[in-house]
Amino acid sequence: KFPNNARLSELQGVVYYKSGKNDQFLESLKAQVAKNPNDKTNWYNLGVLQSKNPATVAEAEASFKKALDLDPKMVSAWQNLTFLAMGDDEKAVADIETARKAGKTELFNKLLQERRNRFSKTLPYAEKWYEIDNKNIDVVELLADLYRSTKNEAKAAEYKAKAAAMNKK
């Protein structure tokens, strides 16, 4: 009845989301960003939904970046972009461990290098997240781990010391 009412469209999307109708929620978000491309929250929410589907990870990255274009200090977008770039690290670690146990050295080294490359891509996002949210111990510990995994021991030690100082408080 009121197709141009932004608030009603937003509420409709919330209903889709809360009822588990993610496909309809996704379409609703796409329609909302088409109508109002300057709404950082809708871009962010679109990115969150897209990030849940391996086929739309590139679109999720673009949506998070669009939200950040609109608000460069949107911590949740930096956080999600960081974890999106990291990928499924539990699976990567399991695959690396499986290759190691099987004695497949070449595969082990390849998987380990792929993980390091992913983490190198992740670092700028995590650093930006830290720049905006530097009192958050989670990002400090994550940066220590990322730097250790990418063999930057000096930066790993720097963030490990920051984490230790934060834990004392």
C-alpha atoms as a PDB file:
ATOM      1  CA  LYS A   1       0.000   0.000   0.000  1.00  0.00           C
ATOM      2  CA  PHE A   2       2.939   2.355   0.767  1.00  0.00           C
ATOM      3  CA  PRO A   3       5.831   1.081  -1.371  1.00  0.00           C
ATOM      4  CA  ASN A   4       7.918   4.251  -0.962  1.00  0.00           C
ATOM      5  CA  ASN A   5       7.703   4.421   2.824  1.00  0.00           C
ATOM      6  CA  ALA A   6      11.251   3.738   4.039  1.00  0.00           C
ATOM      7  CA  ARG A   7      10.214   2.981   7.618  1.00  0.00           C
ATOM      8  CA  LEU A   8       7.633   0.408   6.540  1.00  0.00           C
ATOM      9  CA  SER A   9      10.152  -1.221   4.205  1.00  0.00           C
ATOM     10  CA  GLU A  10      12.627  -1.394   7.068  1.00  0.00           C
ATOM     11  CA  LEU A  11      10.052  -2.951   9.387  1.00  0.00           C
ATOM     12  CA  GLN A  12       9.128  -5.480   6.718  1.00  0.00           C
ATOM     13  CA  GLY A  13      12.789  -6.447   6.486  1.00  0.00           C
ATOM     14  CA  VAL A  14      13.003  -6.867  10.265  1.00  0.00           C
ATOM     15  CA  VAL A  15       9.965  -9.155  10.171  1.00  0.00           C
ATOM     16  CA  TYR A  16      11.607 -11.258   7.448  1.00  0.00           C
ATOM     17  CA  TYR A  17      14.791 -11.469   9.500  1.00  0.00           C
ATOM     18  CA  LYS A  18      13.085 -12.368  12.777  1.00  0.00           C
ATOM     19  CA  SER A  19      10.962 -15.012  11.083  1.00  0.00           C
ATOM     20  CA  GLY A  20      14.034 -16.639   9.548  1.00  0.00           C
ATOM     21  CA  LYS A  21      13.180 -15.648   5.987  1.00  0.00           C
ATOM     22  CA  ASN A  22      16.707 -14.588   5.104  1.00  0.00           C
ATOM     23  CA  ASP A  23      16.184 -14.665   1.337  1.00  0.00           C
ATOM     24  CA  GLN A  24      13.305 -12.205   1.631  1.00  0.00           C
ATOM     25  CA  PHE A  25      15.307 -10.109   4.112  1.00  0.00           C
ATOM     26  CA  LEU A  26      18.211 -10.031   1.656  1.00  0.00           C
ATOM     27  CA  GLU A  27      15.915  -8.863  -1.142  1.00  0.00           C
ATOM     28  CA  SER A  28      14.392  -6.281   1.178  1.00  0.00           C
ATOM     29  CA  LEU A  29      17.851  -4.926   2.040  1.00  0.00           C
ATOM     30  CA  LYS A  30      18.825  -4.767  -1.621  1.00  0.00           C
ATOM     31  CA  ALA A  31      15.663  -2.781  -2.332  1.00  0.00           C
ATOM     32  CA  GLN A  32      16.361  -0.467   0.594  1.00  0.00           C
ATOM     33  CA  VAL A  33      19.936   0.296  -0.481  1.00  0.00           C
ATOM     34  CA  ALA A  34      18.677   0.910  -4.010  1.00  0.00           C
ATOM     35  CA  LYS A  35      16.202   3.461  -2.656  1.00  0.00           C
ATOM     36  CA  ASN A  36      18.633   4.968  -0.151  1.00  0.00           C
ATOM     37  CA  PRO A  37      22.265   4.243  -1.062  1.00  0.00           C
ATOM     38  CA  ASN A  38      23.475   6.449   1.800  1.00  0.00           C
ATOM     39  CA  ASP A  39      22.190   4.224   4.616  1.00  0.00           C
ATOM     40  CA  LYS A  40      25.274   2.690   6.234  1.00  0.00           C
ATOM     41  CA  THR A  41      23.238   0.332   8.431  1.00  0.00           C
ATOM     42  CA  ASN A  42      21.494  -1.284   5.472  1.00  0.00           C
ATOM     43  CA  TRP A  43      24.820  -1.705   3.658  1.00  0.00           C
ATOM     44  CA  TYR A  44      26.285  -3.256   6.789  1.00  0.00           C
ATOM     45  CA  ASN A  45      23.300  -5.611   7.259  1.00  0.00           C
ATOM     46  CA  LEU A  46      23.489  -6.553   3.589  1.00  0.00           C
ATOM     47  CA  GLY A  47      27.161  -7.417   4.065  1.00  0.00           C
ATOM     48  CA  VAL A  48      26.378  -9.557   7.102  1.00  0.00           C
ATOM     49  CA  LEU A  49      23.809 -11.596   5.166  1.00  0.00           C
ATOM     50  CA  GLN A  50      26.042 -11.896   2.111  1.00  0.00           C
ATOM     51  CA  SER A  51      28.966 -13.046   4.264  1.00  0.00           C
ATOM     52  CA  LYS A  52      26.997 -16.105   5.374  1.00  0.00           C
ATOM     53  CA  ASN A  53      26.997 -17.503   1.832  1.00  0.00           C
ATOM     54  CA  PRO A  54      30.381 -18.541   0.382  1.00  0.00           C
ATOM     55  CA  ALA A  55      29.097 -17.627  -3.095  1.00  0.00           C
ATOM     56  CA  THR A  56      28.516 -13.983  -2.111  1.00  0.00           C
ATOM     57  CA  VAL A  57      31.658 -13.239  -0.074  1.00  0.00           C
ATOM     58  CA  ALA A  58      32.898 -10.714  -2.671  1.00  0.00           C
ATOM     59  CA  GLU A  59      29.555  -8.913  -2.516  1.00  0.00           C
ATOM     60  CA  ALA A  60      29.765  -8.901   1.296  1.00  0.00           C
ATOM     61  CA  GLU A  61      33.182  -7.277   1.147  1.00  0.00           C
ATOM     62  CA  ALA A  62      31.833  -4.613  -1.224  1.00  0.00           C
ATOM     63  CA  SER A  63      28.825  -3.987   1.051  1.00  0.00           C
ATOM     64  CA  PHE A  64      31.008  -3.589   4.149  1.00  0.00           C
ATOM     65  CA  LYS A  65      33.288  -1.232   2.229  1.00  0.00           C
ATOM     66  CA  LYS A  66      30.280   0.814   1.103  1.00  0.00           C
ATOM     67  CA  ALA A  67      29.138   1.106   4.745  1.00  0.00           C
ATOM     68  CA  LEU A  68      32.672   2.254   5.616  1.00  0.00           C
ATOM     69  CA  ASP A  69      32.651   4.796   2.798  1.00  0.00           C
ATOM     70  CA  LEU A  70      29.584   6.265   4.467  1.00  0.00           C
ATOM     71  CA  ASP A  71      31.006   5.994   8.000  1.00  0.00           C
ATOM     72  CA  PRO A  72      34.748   5.256   8.215  1.00  0.00           C
ATOM     73  CA  LYS A  73      34.451   4.813  11.993  1.00  0.00           C
ATOM     74  CA  MET A  74      31.827   2.056  11.891  1.00  0.00           C
ATOM     75  CA  VAL A  75      33.544  -0.457  14.177  1.00  0.00           C
ATOM     76  CA  SER A  76      31.177  -3.337  13.396  1.00  0.00           C
ATOM     77  CA  ALA A  77      31.912  -3.040   9.664  1.00  0.00           C
ATOM     78  CA  TRP A  78      35.687  -3.087  10.273  1.00  0.00           C
ATOM     79  CA  GLN A  79      35.245  -6.060  12.572  1.00  0.00           C
ATOM     80  CA  ASN A  80      33.179  -8.009  10.058  1.00  0.00           C
ATOM     81  CA  LEU A  81      35.512  -7.100   7.202  1.00  0.00           C
ATOM     82  CA  THR A  82      38.415  -8.398   9.296  1.00  0.00           C
ATOM     83  CA  PHE A  83      36.764 -11.745   9.954  1.00  0.00           C
ATOM     84  CA  LEU A  84      35.539 -12.003   6.374  1.00  0.00           C
ATOM     85  CA  ALA A  85      39.109 -11.593   5.118  1.00  0.00           C
ATOM     86  CA  MET A  86      40.347 -14.197   7.610  1.00  0.00           C
ATOM     87  CA  GLY A  87      37.948 -16.760   6.222  1.00  0.00           C
ATOM     88  CA  ASP A  88      37.145 -20.020   7.975  1.00  0.00           C
ATOM     89  CA  ASP A  89      40.317 -20.307  10.016  1.00  0.00           C
ATOM     90  CA  GLU A  90      39.147 -23.327  12.018  1.00  0.00           C
ATOM     91  CA  LYS A  91      38.799 -25.296   8.785  1.00  0.00           C
ATOM     92  CA  ALA A  92      42.159 -24.017   7.531  1.00  0.00           C
ATOM     93  CA  VAL A  93      43.898 -25.070  10.748  1.00  0.00           C
ATOM     94  CA  ALA A  94      42.210 -28.485  10.622  1.00  0.00           C
ATOM     95  CA  ASP A  95      43.301 -28.969   6.987  1.00  0.00           C
ATOM     96  CA  ILE A  96      46.875 -27.927   7.847  1.00  0.00           C
ATOM     97  CA  GLU A  97      46.970 -30.317  10.808  1.00  0.00           C
ATOM     98  CA  THR A  98      45.563 -33.158   8.692  1.00  0.00           C
ATOM     99  CA  ALA A  99      48.256 -32.601   6.055  1.00  0.00           C
ATOM    100  CA  ARG A 100      50.951 -32.491   8.752  1.00  0.00           C
ATOM    101  CA  LYS A 101      49.769 -35.736  10.382  1.00  0.00           C
ATOM    102  CA  ALA A 102      49.581 -37.441   6.984  1.00  0.00           C
ATOM    103  CA  GLY A 103      53.174 -36.427   6.254  1.00  0.00           C
ATOM    104  CA  LYS A 104      52.124 -34.434   3.183  1.00  0.00           C
ATOM    105  CA  THR A 105      54.805 -31.768   3.560  1.00  0.00           C
ATOM    106  CA  GLU A 106      54.181 -30.062   0.239  1.00  0.00           C
ATOM    107  CA  LEU A 107      50.446 -29.729   0.913  1.00  0.00           C
ATOM    108  CA  PHE A 108      51.145 -28.648   4.504  1.00  0.00           C
ATOM    109  CA  ASN A 109      53.468 -25.859   3.318  1.00  0.00           C
ATOM    110  CA  LYS A 110      51.005 -24.769   0.623  1.00  0.00           C
ATOM    111  CA  LEU A 111      48.095 -24.562   3.082  1.00  0.00           C
ATOM    112  CA  LEU A 112      50.229 -22.752   5.635  1.00  0.00           C
ATOM    113  CA  GLN A 113      51.292 -20.186   3.041  1.00  0.00           C
ATOM    114  CA  GLU A 114      47.686 -19.670   1.916  1.00  0.00           C
ATOM    115  CA  ARG A 115      46.753 -18.981   5.540  1.00  0.00           C
ATOM    116  CA  ARG A 116      49.601 -16.487   5.911  1.00  0.00           C
ATOM    117  CA  ASN A 117      48.516 -14.759   2.700  1.00  0.00           C
ATOM    118  CA  ARG A 118      44.933 -14.485   3.996  1.00  0.00           C
ATOM    119  CA  PHE A 119      46.201 -13.065   7.258  1.00  0.00           C
ATOM    120  CA  SER A 120      48.373 -10.539   5.405  1.00  0.00           C
ATOM    121  CA  LYS A 121      45.248  -9.379   3.581  1.00  0.00           C
ATOM    122  CA  THR A 122      43.410  -9.245   6.912  1.00  0.00           C
ATOM    123  CA  LEU A 123      45.963  -7.086   8.723  1.00  0.00           C
ATOM    124  CA  PRO A 124      45.002  -3.683   7.249  1.00  0.00           C
ATOM    125  CA  TYR A 125      41.369  -4.229   8.233  1.00  0.00           C
ATOM    126  CA  ALA A 126      42.297  -5.318  11.757  1.00  0.00           C
ATOM    127  CA  GLU A 127      44.674  -2.364  12.114  1.00  0.00           C
ATOM    128  CA  LYS A 128      41.913   0.039  11.082  1.00  0.00           C
ATOM    129  CA  TRP A 129      39.546  -1.653  13.524  1.00  0.00           C
ATOM    130  CA  TYR A 130      42.163  -1.179  16.260  1.00  0.00           C
ATOM    131  CA  GLU A 131      42.715   2.457  15.274  1.00  0.00           C
ATOM    132  CA  ILE A 132      39.036   3.158  15.937  1.00  0.00           C
ATOM    133  CA  ASP A 133      38.494   0.728  18.835  1.00  0.00           C
ATOM    134  CA  ASN A 134      41.871   0.622  20.610  1.00  0.00           C
ATOM    135  CA  LYS A 135      40.417  -0.252  24.030  1.00  0.00           C
ATOM    136  CA  ASN A 136      39.022  -3.547  22.720  1.00  0.00           C
ATOM    137  CA  ILE A 137      41.229  -6.412  23.902  1.00  0.00           C
ATOM    138  CA  ASP A 138      39.772  -8.758  21.274  1.00  0.00           C
ATOM    139  CA  VAL A 139      41.261  -6.776  18.400  1.00  0.00           C
ATOM    140  CA  VAL A 140      44.576  -6.365  20.243  1.00  0.00           C
ATOM    141  CA  GLU A 141      44.860 -10.123  20.802  1.00  0.00           C
ATOM    142  CA  LEU A 142      43.764 -10.790  17.231  1.00  0.00           C
ATOM    143  CA  LEU A 143      46.479  -8.473  15.909  1.00  0.00           C
ATOM    144  CA  ALA A 144      49.091 -10.228  18.056  1.00  0.00           C
ATOM    145  CA  ASP A 145      47.993 -13.575  16.578  1.00  0.00           C
ATOM    146  CA  LEU A 146      47.862 -12.248  13.006  1.00  0.00           C
ATOM    147  CA  TYR A 147      51.343 -10.771  13.243  1.00  0.00           C
ATOM    148  CA  ARG A 148      52.733 -13.936  14.842  1.00  0.00           C
ATOM    149  CA  SER A 149      51.179 -16.052  12.082  1.00  0.00           C
ATOM    150  CA  THR A 150      52.621 -13.802   9.371  1.00  0.00           C
ATOM    151  CA  LYS A 151      56.082 -14.015  10.988  1.00  0.00           C
ATOM    152  CA  ASN A 152      56.254 -10.370  12.079  1.00  0.00           C
ATOM    153  CA  GLU A 153      57.594 -11.086  15.555  1.00  0.00           C
ATOM    154  CA  ALA A 154      58.252  -7.434  16.466  1.00  0.00           C
ATOM    155  CA  LYS A 155      54.637  -6.398  15.831  1.00  0.00           C
ATOM    156  CA  ALA A 156      53.376  -9.587  17.491  1.00  0.00           C
ATOM    157  CA  ALA A 157      55.385  -8.731  20.616  1.00  0.00           C
ATOM    158  CA  GLU A 158      54.100  -5.133  20.523  1.00  0.00           C
ATOM    159  CA  TYR A 159      50.461  -6.245  20.503  1.00  0.00           C
ATOM    160  CA  LYS A 160      51.084  -9.025  23.007  1.00  0.00           C
ATOM    161  CA  ALA A 161      52.497  -6.391  25.404  1.00  0.00           C
ATOM    162  CA  LYS A 162      49.467  -4.158  24.773  1.00  0.00           C
ATOM    163  CA  ALA A 163      47.161  -7.081  25.543  1.00  0.00           C
ATOM    164  CA  ALA A 164      49.075  -7.883  28.732  1.00  0.00           C
ATOM    165  CA  ALA A 165      48.811  -4.244  29.847  1.00  0.00           C
ATOM    166  CA  MET A 166      45.075  -4.254  29.128  1.00  0.00           C
ATOM    167  CA  ASN A 167      44.601  -7.472  31.113  1.00  0.00           C
ATOM    168  CA  LYS A 168      46.268  -5.907  34.167  1.00  0.00           C
ATOM    169  CA  LYS A 169      43.635  -3.176  34.338  1.00  0.00           C
END
